[in-house]
Amino acid sequence: MGLPVIGLPQGLRVYLALEPVDMRKQYDGLWALAAQHLGLDPKSGALFVFTNKTRDRVKLLHWDGTGVWVLAKRLEQGRFTWPRGAGTDTDPRKLTLEPAALTLLLDGIDLKAGAKKAWYEG
């Protein structure tokens, strides 16, 4: 039974940080990563996606115009399939994703293979 469903608007800009980050970072630390490391304005309304070295945790950062959201997910088993290599923005630190692709990634879909990972089968 999946409880929370977070709908992502079609026009939302999603930036995936390709390098792992320290998951102890909270609002200010993730904000600084988006601004300084990724070189983007966290107040732009985009969604920033971060993972840890083992890729079993994800944090999302989003400014909604009134405040900052941080959402987190920790997998009980398995790992997220995280894209590697240079990003599409010719910046090796980040990758731009469509909202639908992020939803697939968070649902355990290997974006390269287009299939659910074995640990996510239920």
PDB file of N, CA and C in Angstrom:
ATOM      1  N   MET A   1       0.855  -1.168   0.000  1.00  0.00           N
ATOM      2  CA  MET A   1       0.000   0.000   0.000  1.00  0.00           C
ATOM      3  C   MET A   1       0.903   1.234   0.000  1.00  0.00           C
ATOM      4  N   GLY A   2       0.867   2.004  -1.081  1.00  0.00           N
ATOM      5  CA  GLY A   2       1.628   3.238  -1.133  1.00  0.00           C
ATOM      6  C   GLY A   2       0.772   4.386  -0.645  1.00  0.00           C
ATOM      7  N   LEU A   3       1.245   5.128   0.314  1.00  0.00           N
ATOM      8  CA  LEU A   3       0.449   6.203   0.881  1.00  0.00           C
ATOM      9  C   LEU A   3       0.626   7.531   0.148  1.00  0.00           C
ATOM     10  N   PRO A   4       1.736   8.243   0.375  1.00  0.00           N
ATOM     11  CA  PRO A   4       1.816   9.571  -0.222  1.00  0.00           C
ATOM     12  C   PRO A   4       2.038   9.529  -1.724  1.00  0.00           C
ATOM     13  N   VAL A   5       1.300  10.345  -2.409  1.00  0.00           N
ATOM     14  CA  VAL A   5       1.492  10.525  -3.844  1.00  0.00           C
ATOM     15  C   VAL A   5       1.751  12.005  -4.054  1.00  0.00           C
ATOM     16  N   ILE A   6       2.881  12.307  -4.639  1.00  0.00           N
ATOM     17  CA  ILE A   6       3.226  13.698  -4.885  1.00  0.00           C
ATOM     18  C   ILE A   6       3.182  13.929  -6.384  1.00  0.00           C
ATOM     19  N   GLY A   7       2.232  14.722  -6.818  1.00  0.00           N
ATOM     20  CA  GLY A   7       2.123  15.024  -8.239  1.00  0.00           C
ATOM     21  C   GLY A   7       3.072  16.153  -8.612  1.00  0.00           C
ATOM     22  N   LEU A   8       3.778  15.954  -9.701  1.00  0.00           N
ATOM     23  CA  LEU A   8       4.707  16.975 -10.177  1.00  0.00           C
ATOM     24  C   LEU A   8       4.131  17.626 -11.423  1.00  0.00           C
ATOM     25  N   PRO A   9       3.996  18.949 -11.432  1.00  0.00           N
ATOM     26  CA  PRO A   9       3.459  19.618 -12.612  1.00  0.00           C
ATOM     27  C   PRO A   9       4.361  19.413 -13.827  1.00  0.00           C
ATOM     28  N   GLN A  10       3.739  19.304 -14.994  1.00  0.00           N
ATOM     29  CA  GLN A  10       4.457  19.020 -16.229  1.00  0.00           C
ATOM     30  C   GLN A  10       5.561  20.029 -16.536  1.00  0.00           C
ATOM     31  N   GLY A  11       5.379  21.289 -16.277  1.00  0.00           N
ATOM     32  CA  GLY A  11       6.375  22.305 -16.611  1.00  0.00           C
ATOM     33  C   GLY A  11       7.476  22.505 -15.582  1.00  0.00           C
ATOM     34  N   LEU A  12       7.451  21.722 -14.517  1.00  0.00           N
ATOM     35  CA  LEU A  12       8.432  21.877 -13.445  1.00  0.00           C
ATOM     36  C   LEU A  12       9.836  21.535 -13.934  1.00  0.00           C
ATOM     37  N   ARG A  13      10.803  22.407 -13.629  1.00  0.00           N
ATOM     38  CA  ARG A  13      12.207  22.107 -13.951  1.00  0.00           C
ATOM     39  C   ARG A  13      12.776  21.269 -12.822  1.00  0.00           C
ATOM     40  N   VAL A  14      13.396  20.149 -13.189  1.00  0.00           N
ATOM     41  CA  VAL A  14      13.963  19.218 -12.210  1.00  0.00           C
ATOM     42  C   VAL A  14      15.449  19.084 -12.499  1.00  0.00           C
ATOM     43  N   TYR A  15      16.263  19.355 -11.473  1.00  0.00           N
ATOM     44  CA  TYR A  15      17.712  19.229 -11.600  1.00  0.00           C
ATOM     45  C   TYR A  15      18.198  18.137 -10.663  1.00  0.00           C
ATOM     46  N   LEU A  16      18.862  17.155 -11.227  1.00  0.00           N
ATOM     47  CA  LEU A  16      19.401  16.030 -10.489  1.00  0.00           C
ATOM     48  C   LEU A  16      20.883  16.264 -10.267  1.00  0.00           C
ATOM     49  N   ALA A  17      21.315  16.316  -9.015  1.00  0.00           N
ATOM     50  CA  ALA A  17      22.749  16.441  -8.711  1.00  0.00           C
ATOM     51  C   ALA A  17      23.379  15.074  -8.967  1.00  0.00           C
ATOM     52  N   LEU A  18      24.380  15.016  -9.823  1.00  0.00           N
ATOM     53  CA  LEU A  18      24.979  13.739 -10.202  1.00  0.00           C
ATOM     54  C   LEU A  18      25.953  13.205  -9.155  1.00  0.00           C
ATOM     55  N   GLU A  19      26.554  14.091  -8.383  1.00  0.00           N
ATOM     56  CA  GLU A  19      27.499  13.660  -7.364  1.00  0.00           C
ATOM     57  C   GLU A  19      26.764  13.439  -6.044  1.00  0.00           C
ATOM     58  N   PRO A  20      27.156  12.405  -5.284  1.00  0.00           N
ATOM     59  CA  PRO A  20      26.495  12.170  -3.992  1.00  0.00           C
ATOM     60  C   PRO A  20      26.765  13.292  -2.999  1.00  0.00           C
ATOM     61  N   VAL A  21      25.823  13.476  -2.076  1.00  0.00           N
ATOM     62  CA  VAL A  21      25.962  14.507  -1.044  1.00  0.00           C
ATOM     63  C   VAL A  21      25.754  13.875   0.329  1.00  0.00           C
ATOM     64  N   ASP A  22      26.166  14.600   1.340  1.00  0.00           N
ATOM     65  CA  ASP A  22      25.989  14.185   2.724  1.00  0.00           C
ATOM     66  C   ASP A  22      24.518  14.359   3.084  1.00  0.00           C
ATOM     67  N   MET A  23      23.834  13.275   3.386  1.00  0.00           N
ATOM     68  CA  MET A  23      22.403  13.329   3.668  1.00  0.00           C
ATOM     69  C   MET A  23      22.082  13.957   5.019  1.00  0.00           C
ATOM     70  N   ARG A  24      23.092  14.320   5.795  1.00  0.00           N
ATOM     71  CA  ARG A  24      22.828  15.061   7.028  1.00  0.00           C
ATOM     72  C   ARG A  24      22.472  16.514   6.723  1.00  0.00           C
ATOM     73  N   LYS A  25      22.724  16.951   5.496  1.00  0.00           N
ATOM     74  CA  LYS A  25      22.395  18.332   5.116  1.00  0.00           C
ATOM     75  C   LYS A  25      20.880  18.522   5.145  1.00  0.00           C
ATOM     76  N   GLN A  26      20.482  19.678   5.656  1.00  0.00           N
ATOM     77  CA  GLN A  26      19.068  20.017   5.726  1.00  0.00           C
ATOM     78  C   GLN A  26      18.809  21.214   4.818  1.00  0.00           C
ATOM     79  N   TYR A  27      17.904  22.066   5.175  1.00  0.00           N
ATOM     80  CA  TYR A  27      17.483  23.182   4.341  1.00  0.00           C
ATOM     81  C   TYR A  27      18.656  24.030   3.852  1.00  0.00           C
ATOM     82  N   ASP A  28      19.417  24.594   4.771  1.00  0.00           N
ATOM     83  CA  ASP A  28      20.479  25.525   4.396  1.00  0.00           C
ATOM     84  C   ASP A  28      21.606  24.845   3.628  1.00  0.00           C
ATOM     85  N   GLY A  29      21.965  23.621   4.041  1.00  0.00           N
ATOM     86  CA  GLY A  29      23.030  22.908   3.355  1.00  0.00           C
ATOM     87  C   GLY A  29      22.661  22.539   1.928  1.00  0.00           C
ATOM     88  N   LEU A  30      21.433  22.070   1.722  1.00  0.00           N
ATOM     89  CA  LEU A  30      20.977  21.733   0.370  1.00  0.00           C
ATOM     90  C   LEU A  30      20.811  22.990  -0.472  1.00  0.00           C
ATOM     91  N   TRP A  31      20.348  24.054   0.150  1.00  0.00           N
ATOM     92  CA  TRP A  31      20.204  25.342  -0.540  1.00  0.00           C
ATOM     93  C   TRP A  31      21.570  25.791  -1.066  1.00  0.00           C
ATOM     94  N   ALA A  32      22.587  25.699  -0.214  1.00  0.00           N
ATOM     95  CA  ALA A  32      23.947  26.096  -0.606  1.00  0.00           C
ATOM     96  C   ALA A  32      24.459  25.210  -1.739  1.00  0.00           C
ATOM     97  N   LEU A  33      24.172  23.925  -1.707  1.00  0.00           N
ATOM     98  CA  LEU A  33      24.592  23.039  -2.794  1.00  0.00           C
ATOM     99  C   LEU A  33      23.939  23.429  -4.118  1.00  0.00           C
ATOM    100  N   ALA A  34      22.651  23.719  -4.081  1.00  0.00           N
ATOM    101  CA  ALA A  34      21.953  24.120  -5.307  1.00  0.00           C
ATOM    102  C   ALA A  34      22.544  25.408  -5.865  1.00  0.00           C
ATOM    103  N   ALA A  35      22.812  26.361  -4.980  1.00  0.00           N
ATOM    104  CA  ALA A  35      23.303  27.669  -5.422  1.00  0.00           C
ATOM    105  C   ALA A  35      24.773  27.630  -5.819  1.00  0.00           C
ATOM    106  N   GLN A  36      25.613  27.094  -4.954  1.00  0.00           N
ATOM    107  CA  GLN A  36      27.058  27.184  -5.173  1.00  0.00           C
ATOM    108  C   GLN A  36      27.598  26.049  -6.026  1.00  0.00           C
ATOM    109  N   HIS A  37      27.230  24.819  -5.730  1.00  0.00           N
ATOM    110  CA  HIS A  37      27.795  23.689  -6.456  1.00  0.00           C
ATOM    111  C   HIS A  37      27.136  23.498  -7.828  1.00  0.00           C
ATOM    112  N   LEU A  38      25.808  23.601  -7.861  1.00  0.00           N
ATOM    113  CA  LEU A  38      25.110  23.424  -9.137  1.00  0.00           C
ATOM    114  C   LEU A  38      25.017  24.720  -9.926  1.00  0.00           C
ATOM    115  N   GLY A  39      25.254  25.857  -9.258  1.00  0.00           N
ATOM    116  CA  GLY A  39      25.226  27.148  -9.945  1.00  0.00           C
ATOM    117  C   GLY A  39      23.836  27.590 -10.363  1.00  0.00           C
ATOM    118  N   LEU A  40      22.829  27.222  -9.600  1.00  0.00           N
ATOM    119  CA  LEU A  40      21.446  27.553  -9.936  1.00  0.00           C
ATOM    120  C   LEU A  40      20.804  28.338  -8.801  1.00  0.00           C
ATOM    121  N   ASP A  41      19.754  29.079  -9.119  1.00  0.00           N
ATOM    122  CA  ASP A  41      19.035  29.871  -8.130  1.00  0.00           C
ATOM    123  C   ASP A  41      17.973  29.003  -7.460  1.00  0.00           C
ATOM    124  N   PRO A  42      18.140  28.673  -6.180  1.00  0.00           N
ATOM    125  CA  PRO A  42      17.137  27.844  -5.505  1.00  0.00           C
ATOM    126  C   PRO A  42      15.750  28.474  -5.455  1.00  0.00           C
ATOM    127  N   LYS A  43      15.653  29.799  -5.621  1.00  0.00           N
ATOM    128  CA  LYS A  43      14.349  30.469  -5.611  1.00  0.00           C
ATOM    129  C   LYS A  43      13.702  30.507  -6.996  1.00  0.00           C
ATOM    130  N   SER A  44      14.258  29.769  -7.949  1.00  0.00           N
ATOM    131  CA  SER A  44      13.733  29.769  -9.315  1.00  0.00           C
ATOM    132  C   SER A  44      12.444  28.973  -9.458  1.00  0.00           C
ATOM    133  N   GLY A  45      12.084  28.207  -8.429  1.00  0.00           N
ATOM    134  CA  GLY A  45      10.899  27.367  -8.520  1.00  0.00           C
ATOM    135  C   GLY A  45      11.198  25.961  -9.018  1.00  0.00           C
ATOM    136  N   ALA A  46      12.466  25.670  -9.270  1.00  0.00           N
ATOM    137  CA  ALA A  46      12.861  24.338  -9.723  1.00  0.00           C
ATOM    138  C   ALA A  46      12.892  23.370  -8.548  1.00  0.00           C
ATOM    139  N   LEU A  47      12.932  22.103  -8.861  1.00  0.00           N
ATOM    140  CA  LEU A  47      13.066  21.037  -7.876  1.00  0.00           C
ATOM    141  C   LEU A  47      14.478  20.474  -7.992  1.00  0.00           C
ATOM    142  N   PHE A  48      15.182  20.398  -6.871  1.00  0.00           N
ATOM    143  CA  PHE A  48      16.553  19.905  -6.839  1.00  0.00           C
ATOM    144  C   PHE A  48      16.561  18.546  -6.159  1.00  0.00           C
ATOM    145  N   VAL A  49      17.231  17.583  -6.772  1.00  0.00           N
ATOM    146  CA  VAL A  49      17.213  16.205  -6.291  1.00  0.00           C
ATOM    147  C   VAL A  49      18.637  15.777  -5.950  1.00  0.00           C
ATOM    148  N   PHE A  50      18.818  15.250  -4.737  1.00  0.00           N
ATOM    149  CA  PHE A  50      20.131  14.842  -4.244  1.00  0.00           C
ATOM    150  C   PHE A  50      20.064  13.406  -3.742  1.00  0.00           C
ATOM    151  N   THR A  51      21.182  12.685  -3.837  1.00  0.00           N
ATOM    152  CA  THR A  51      21.283  11.341  -3.271  1.00  0.00           C
ATOM    153  C   THR A  51      22.595  11.203  -2.513  1.00  0.00           C
ATOM    154  N   ASN A  52      22.697  10.112  -1.752  1.00  0.00           N
ATOM    155  CA  ASN A  52      23.924   9.839  -1.013  1.00  0.00           C
ATOM    156  C   ASN A  52      24.819   8.879  -1.800  1.00  0.00           C
ATOM    157  N   LYS A  53      25.969   8.553  -1.239  1.00  0.00           N
ATOM    158  CA  LYS A  53      26.954   7.713  -1.930  1.00  0.00           C
ATOM    159  C   LYS A  53      26.409   6.315  -2.221  1.00  0.00           C
ATOM    160  N   THR A  54      25.661   5.745  -1.300  1.00  0.00           N
ATOM    161  CA  THR A  54      25.135   4.396  -1.511  1.00  0.00           C
ATOM    162  C   THR A  54      23.823   4.387  -2.301  1.00  0.00           C
ATOM    163  N   ARG A  55      23.303   5.542  -2.622  1.00  0.00           N
ATOM    164  CA  ARG A  55      22.083   5.730  -3.409  1.00  0.00           C
ATOM    165  C   ARG A  55      20.863   5.004  -2.822  1.00  0.00           C
ATOM    166  N   ASP A  56      20.789   4.978  -1.491  1.00  0.00           N
ATOM    167  CA  ASP A  56      19.600   4.417  -0.860  1.00  0.00           C
ATOM    168  C   ASP A  56      18.747   5.507  -0.201  1.00  0.00           C
ATOM    169  N   ARG A  57      19.167   6.761  -0.369  1.00  0.00           N
ATOM    170  CA  ARG A  57      18.422   7.908   0.169  1.00  0.00           C
ATOM    171  C   ARG A  57      18.357   9.010  -0.879  1.00  0.00           C
ATOM    172  N   VAL A  58      17.264   9.744  -0.832  1.00  0.00           N
ATOM    173  CA  VAL A  58      17.055  10.868  -1.747  1.00  0.00           C
ATOM    174  C   VAL A  58      16.464  12.018  -0.954  1.00  0.00           C
ATOM    175  N   LYS A  59      16.907  13.225  -1.278  1.00  0.00           N
ATOM    176  CA  LYS A  59      16.281  14.432  -0.733  1.00  0.00           C
ATOM    177  C   LYS A  59      15.943  15.362  -1.887  1.00  0.00           C
ATOM    178  N   LEU A  60      14.765  15.986  -1.763  1.00  0.00           N
ATOM    179  CA  LEU A  60      14.289  16.943  -2.756  1.00  0.00           C
ATOM    180  C   LEU A  60      14.194  18.312  -2.087  1.00  0.00           C
ATOM    181  N   LEU A  61      14.633  19.334  -2.781  1.00  0.00           N
ATOM    182  CA  LEU A  61      14.583  20.711  -2.282  1.00  0.00           C
ATOM    183  C   LEU A  61      13.750  21.533  -3.257  1.00  0.00           C
ATOM    184  N   HIS A  62      12.809  22.308  -2.719  1.00  0.00           N
ATOM    185  CA  HIS A  62      11.945  23.125  -3.590  1.00  0.00           C
ATOM    186  C   HIS A  62      11.494  24.383  -2.857  1.00  0.00           C
ATOM    187  N   TRP A  63      11.618  25.505  -3.521  1.00  0.00           N
ATOM    188  CA  TRP A  63      11.099  26.795  -3.028  1.00  0.00           C
ATOM    189  C   TRP A  63       9.743  26.999  -3.676  1.00  0.00           C
ATOM    190  N   ASP A  64       8.682  27.147  -2.878  1.00  0.00           N
ATOM    191  CA  ASP A  64       7.333  27.292  -3.437  1.00  0.00           C
ATOM    192  C   ASP A  64       6.850  28.736  -3.480  1.00  0.00           C
ATOM    193  N   GLY A  65       7.740  29.680  -3.168  1.00  0.00           N
ATOM    194  CA  GLY A  65       7.355  31.088  -3.174  1.00  0.00           C
ATOM    195  C   GLY A  65       7.115  31.636  -1.783  1.00  0.00           C
ATOM    196  N   THR A  66       6.834  30.751  -0.831  1.00  0.00           N
ATOM    197  CA  THR A  66       6.622  31.189   0.551  1.00  0.00           C
ATOM    198  C   THR A  66       7.606  30.559   1.516  1.00  0.00           C
ATOM    199  N   GLY A  67       8.238  29.482   1.099  1.00  0.00           N
ATOM    200  CA  GLY A  67       9.172  28.779   1.962  1.00  0.00           C
ATOM    201  C   GLY A  67       9.836  27.632   1.227  1.00  0.00           C
ATOM    202  N   VAL A  68      10.700  26.948   1.946  1.00  0.00           N
ATOM    203  CA  VAL A  68      11.495  25.872   1.362  1.00  0.00           C
ATOM    204  C   VAL A  68      10.947  24.524   1.834  1.00  0.00           C
ATOM    205  N   TRP A  69      10.770  23.631   0.876  1.00  0.00           N
ATOM    206  CA  TRP A  69      10.379  22.252   1.152  1.00  0.00           C
ATOM    207  C   TRP A  69      11.611  21.365   1.054  1.00  0.00           C
ATOM    208  N   VAL A  70      11.736  20.421   1.979  1.00  0.00           N
ATOM    209  CA  VAL A  70      12.708  19.339   1.871  1.00  0.00           C
ATOM    210  C   VAL A  70      11.940  18.046   2.097  1.00  0.00           C
ATOM    211  N   LEU A  71      11.976  17.182   1.104  1.00  0.00           N
ATOM    212  CA  LEU A  71      11.338  15.869   1.205  1.00  0.00           C
ATOM    213  C   LEU A  71      12.437  14.826   1.156  1.00  0.00           C
ATOM    214  N   ALA A  72      12.278  13.754   1.907  1.00  0.00           N
ATOM    215  CA  ALA A  72      13.308  12.723   1.958  1.00  0.00           C
ATOM    216  C   ALA A  72      12.685  11.337   1.827  1.00  0.00           C
ATOM    217  N   LYS A  73      13.459  10.429   1.233  1.00  0.00           N
ATOM    218  CA  LYS A  73      13.054   9.031   1.143  1.00  0.00           C
ATOM    219  C   LYS A  73      14.273   8.168   1.423  1.00  0.00           C
ATOM    220  N   ARG A  74      14.082   7.156   2.276  1.00  0.00           N
ATOM    221  CA  ARG A  74      15.125   6.176   2.561  1.00  0.00           C
ATOM    222  C   ARG A  74      14.582   4.812   2.172  1.00  0.00           C
ATOM    223  N   LEU A  75      15.294   4.127   1.301  1.00  0.00           N
ATOM    224  CA  LEU A  75      14.876   2.791   0.893  1.00  0.00           C
ATOM    225  C   LEU A  75      15.206   1.781   1.977  1.00  0.00           C
ATOM    226  N   GLU A  76      14.341   0.827   2.173  1.00  0.00           N
ATOM    227  CA  GLU A  76      14.591  -0.240   3.126  1.00  0.00           C
ATOM    228  C   GLU A  76      15.462  -1.327   2.512  1.00  0.00           C
ATOM    229  N   GLN A  77      15.427  -1.453   1.189  1.00  0.00           N
ATOM    230  CA  GLN A  77      16.303  -2.373   0.470  1.00  0.00           C
ATOM    231  C   GLN A  77      16.527  -1.817  -0.926  1.00  0.00           C
ATOM    232  N   GLY A  78      17.610  -2.237  -1.549  1.00  0.00           N
ATOM    233  CA  GLY A  78      17.907  -1.798  -2.904  1.00  0.00           C
ATOM    234  C   GLY A  78      18.517  -0.406  -2.961  1.00  0.00           C
ATOM    235  N   ARG A  79      18.711   0.055  -4.186  1.00  0.00           N
ATOM    236  CA  ARG A  79      19.324   1.363  -4.441  1.00  0.00           C
ATOM    237  C   ARG A  79      18.621   2.036  -5.607  1.00  0.00           C
ATOM    238  N   PHE A  80      18.620   3.348  -5.585  1.00  0.00           N
ATOM    239  CA  PHE A  80      18.132   4.095  -6.736  1.00  0.00           C
ATOM    240  C   PHE A  80      19.152   3.982  -7.865  1.00  0.00           C
ATOM    241  N   THR A  81      18.683   3.895  -9.088  1.00  0.00           N
ATOM    242  CA  THR A  81      19.571   3.924 -10.239  1.00  0.00           C
ATOM    243  C   THR A  81      19.803   5.390 -10.566  1.00  0.00           C
ATOM    244  N   TRP A  82      21.038   5.835 -10.361  1.00  0.00           N
ATOM    245  CA  TRP A  82      21.357   7.248 -10.541  1.00  0.00           C
ATOM    246  C   TRP A  82      22.135   7.419 -11.832  1.00  0.00           C
ATOM    247  N   PRO A  83      21.718   8.339 -12.696  1.00  0.00           N
ATOM    248  CA  PRO A  83      22.472   8.566 -13.936  1.00  0.00           C
ATOM    249  C   PRO A  83      23.917   8.947 -13.638  1.00  0.00           C
ATOM    250  N   ARG A  84      24.814   8.523 -14.501  1.00  0.00           N
ATOM    251  CA  ARG A  84      26.232   8.850 -14.354  1.00  0.00           C
ATOM    252  C   ARG A  84      26.710   9.583 -15.589  1.00  0.00           C
ATOM    253  N   GLY A  85      27.877  10.188 -15.457  1.00  0.00           N
ATOM    254  CA  GLY A  85      28.471  10.867 -16.604  1.00  0.00           C
ATOM    255  C   GLY A  85      28.014  12.301 -16.715  1.00  0.00           C
ATOM    256  N   ALA A  86      28.357  12.894 -17.825  1.00  0.00           N
ATOM    257  CA  ALA A  86      28.058  14.309 -18.050  1.00  0.00           C
ATOM    258  C   ALA A  86      26.556  14.536 -18.158  1.00  0.00           C
ATOM    259  N   GLY A  87      26.123  15.613 -17.586  1.00  0.00           N
ATOM    260  CA  GLY A  87      24.720  15.992 -17.677  1.00  0.00           C
ATOM    261  C   GLY A  87      24.387  16.541 -19.050  1.00  0.00           C
ATOM    262  N   THR A  88      23.111  16.647 -19.346  1.00  0.00           N
ATOM    263  CA  THR A  88      22.683  17.137 -20.646  1.00  0.00           C
ATOM    264  C   THR A  88      22.912  18.637 -20.791  1.00  0.00           C
ATOM    265  N   ASP A  89      23.148  19.309 -19.689  1.00  0.00           N
ATOM    266  CA  ASP A  89      23.369  20.757 -19.726  1.00  0.00           C
ATOM    267  C   ASP A  89      24.845  21.077 -19.961  1.00  0.00           C
ATOM    268  N   THR A  90      25.608  20.107 -20.446  1.00  0.00           N
ATOM    269  CA  THR A  90      27.063  20.220 -20.595  1.00  0.00           C
ATOM    270  C   THR A  90      27.728  20.578 -19.278  1.00  0.00           C
ATOM    271  N   ASP A  91      27.107  20.229 -18.191  1.00  0.00           N
ATOM    272  CA  ASP A  91      27.653  20.444 -16.861  1.00  0.00           C
ATOM    273  C   ASP A  91      27.696  19.090 -16.172  1.00  0.00           C
ATOM    274  N   PRO A  92      28.874  18.571 -15.852  1.00  0.00           N
ATOM    275  CA  PRO A  92      28.970  17.231 -15.272  1.00  0.00           C
ATOM    276  C   PRO A  92      28.412  17.126 -13.852  1.00  0.00           C
ATOM    277  N   ARG A  93      27.979  18.243 -13.263  1.00  0.00           N
ATOM    278  CA  ARG A  93      27.469  18.231 -11.888  1.00  0.00           C
ATOM    279  C   ARG A  93      25.979  17.995 -11.804  1.00  0.00           C
ATOM    280  N   LYS A  94      25.262  18.227 -12.911  1.00  0.00           N
ATOM    281  CA  LYS A  94      23.801  18.124 -12.844  1.00  0.00           C
ATOM    282  C   LYS A  94      23.223  17.598 -14.153  1.00  0.00           C
ATOM    283  N   LEU A  95      22.003  17.111 -14.036  1.00  0.00           N
ATOM    284  CA  LEU A  95      21.258  16.605 -15.172  1.00  0.00           C
ATOM    285  C   LEU A  95      19.848  17.164 -15.072  1.00  0.00           C
ATOM    286  N   THR A  96      19.288  17.594 -16.174  1.00  0.00           N
ATOM    287  CA  THR A  96      17.910  18.070 -16.200  1.00  0.00           C
ATOM    288  C   THR A  96      17.002  16.899 -16.543  1.00  0.00           C
ATOM    289  N   LEU A  97      15.958  16.709 -15.738  1.00  0.00           N
ATOM    290  CA  LEU A  97      15.003  15.624 -15.966  1.00  0.00           C
ATOM    291  C   LEU A  97      13.610  16.189 -16.179  1.00  0.00           C
ATOM    292  N   GLU A  98      12.802  15.456 -16.902  1.00  0.00           N
ATOM    293  CA  GLU A  98      11.372  15.747 -16.986  1.00  0.00           C
ATOM    294  C   GLU A  98      10.739  15.271 -15.676  1.00  0.00           C
ATOM    295  N   PRO A  99       9.679  15.910 -15.215  1.00  0.00           N
ATOM    296  CA  PRO A  99       9.017  15.457 -13.988  1.00  0.00           C
ATOM    297  C   PRO A  99       8.614  13.983 -14.045  1.00  0.00           C
ATOM    298  N   ALA A 100       8.155  13.522 -15.196  1.00  0.00           N
ATOM    299  CA  ALA A 100       7.748  12.115 -15.323  1.00  0.00           C
ATOM    300  C   ALA A 100       8.938  11.182 -15.130  1.00  0.00           C
ATOM    301  N   ALA A 101      10.113  11.574 -15.621  1.00  0.00           N
ATOM    302  CA  ALA A 101      11.312  10.742 -15.454  1.00  0.00           C
ATOM    303  C   ALA A 101      11.704  10.661 -13.983  1.00  0.00           C
ATOM    304  N   LEU A 102      11.565  11.759 -13.252  1.00  0.00           N
ATOM    305  CA  LEU A 102      11.865  11.727 -11.812  1.00  0.00           C
ATOM    306  C   LEU A 102      10.907  10.786 -11.095  1.00  0.00           C
ATOM    307  N   THR A 103       9.639  10.841 -11.438  1.00  0.00           N
ATOM    308  CA  THR A 103       8.661   9.945 -10.830  1.00  0.00           C
ATOM    309  C   THR A 103       9.045   8.491 -11.082  1.00  0.00           C
ATOM    310  N   LEU A 104       9.461   8.175 -12.289  1.00  0.00           N
ATOM    311  CA  LEU A 104       9.884   6.813 -12.606  1.00  0.00           C
ATOM    312  C   LEU A 104      11.100   6.421 -11.776  1.00  0.00           C
ATOM    313  N   LEU A 105      12.084   7.307 -11.704  1.00  0.00           N
ATOM    314  CA  LEU A 105      13.301   7.034 -10.937  1.00  0.00           C
ATOM    315  C   LEU A 105      12.964   6.749  -9.475  1.00  0.00           C
ATOM    316  N   LEU A 106      12.096   7.566  -8.881  1.00  0.00           N
ATOM    317  CA  LEU A 106      11.719   7.386  -7.482  1.00  0.00           C
ATOM    318  C   LEU A 106      10.852   6.150  -7.260  1.00  0.00           C
ATOM    319  N   ASP A 107      10.214   5.668  -8.330  1.00  0.00           N
ATOM    320  CA  ASP A 107       9.396   4.456  -8.253  1.00  0.00           C
ATOM    321  C   ASP A 107      10.201   3.188  -8.520  1.00  0.00           C
ATOM    322  N   GLY A 108      11.526   3.315  -8.641  1.00  0.00           N
ATOM    323  CA  GLY A 108      12.360   2.136  -8.818  1.00  0.00           C
ATOM    324  C   GLY A 108      12.574   1.716 -10.250  1.00  0.00           C
ATOM    325  N   ILE A 109      12.289   2.601 -11.193  1.00  0.00           N
ATOM    326  CA  ILE A 109      12.506   2.290 -12.604  1.00  0.00           C
ATOM    327  C   ILE A 109      13.925   2.686 -12.983  1.00  0.00           C
ATOM    328  N   ASP A 110      14.646   1.770 -13.600  1.00  0.00           N
ATOM    329  CA  ASP A 110      15.965   2.075 -14.150  1.00  0.00           C
ATOM    330  C   ASP A 110      15.712   2.819 -15.451  1.00  0.00           C
ATOM    331  N   LEU A 111      16.000   4.111 -15.493  1.00  0.00           N
ATOM    332  CA  LEU A 111      15.678   4.930 -16.653  1.00  0.00           C
ATOM    333  C   LEU A 111      16.381   4.439 -17.913  1.00  0.00           C
ATOM    334  N   LYS A 112      17.567   3.900 -17.779  1.00  0.00           N
ATOM    335  CA  LYS A 112      18.318   3.411 -18.935  1.00  0.00           C
ATOM    336  C   LYS A 112      17.681   2.136 -19.491  1.00  0.00           C
ATOM    337  N   ALA A 113      17.300   1.215 -18.610  1.00  0.00           N
ATOM    338  CA  ALA A 113      16.739  -0.061 -19.045  1.00  0.00           C
ATOM    339  C   ALA A 113      15.219   0.005 -19.258  1.00  0.00           C
ATOM    340  N   GLY A 114      14.568   0.992 -18.619  1.00  0.00           N
ATOM    341  CA  GLY A 114      13.117   1.117 -18.762  1.00  0.00           C
ATOM    342  C   GLY A 114      12.349   0.014 -18.055  1.00  0.00           C
ATOM    343  N   ALA A 115      12.934  -0.551 -16.992  1.00  0.00           N
ATOM    344  CA  ALA A 115      12.279  -1.644 -16.285  1.00  0.00           C
ATOM    345  C   ALA A 115      12.437  -1.456 -14.785  1.00  0.00           C
ATOM    346  N   LYS A 116      11.484  -2.009 -14.030  1.00  0.00           N
ATOM    347  CA  LYS A 116      11.589  -1.966 -12.572  1.00  0.00           C
ATOM    348  C   LYS A 116      12.753  -2.811 -12.129  1.00  0.00           C
ATOM    349  N   LYS A 117      13.447  -2.348 -11.117  1.00  0.00           N
ATOM    350  CA  LYS A 117      14.539  -3.123 -10.547  1.00  0.00           C
ATOM    351  C   LYS A 117      13.950  -4.279  -9.743  1.00  0.00           C
ATOM    352  N   ALA A 118      14.705  -5.371  -9.646  1.00  0.00           N
ATOM    353  CA  ALA A 118      14.202  -6.585  -8.986  1.00  0.00           C
ATOM    354  C   ALA A 118      13.742  -6.332  -7.562  1.00  0.00           C
ATOM    355  N   TRP A 119      14.464  -5.496  -6.804  1.00  0.00           N
ATOM    356  CA  TRP A 119      14.094  -5.237  -5.421  1.00  0.00           C
ATOM    357  C   TRP A 119      12.771  -4.505  -5.286  1.00  0.00           C
ATOM    358  N   TYR A 120      12.290  -3.862  -6.372  1.00  0.00           N
ATOM    359  CA  TYR A 120      11.068  -3.083  -6.299  1.00  0.00           C
ATOM    360  C   TYR A 120       9.843  -3.912  -6.707  1.00  0.00           C
ATOM    361  N   GLU A 121      10.070  -5.077  -7.306  1.00  0.00           N
ATOM    362  CA  GLU A 121       8.946  -5.945  -7.707  1.00  0.00           C
ATOM    363  C   GLU A 121       8.192  -6.364  -6.471  1.00  0.00           C
ATOM    364  N   GLY A 122       6.877  -6.399  -6.568  1.00  0.00           N
ATOM    365  CA  GLY A 122       6.126  -6.735  -5.379  1.00  0.00           C
ATOM    366  C   GLY A 122       5.081  -7.715  -5.567  1.00  0.00           C
TER     367      GLY A 122
END
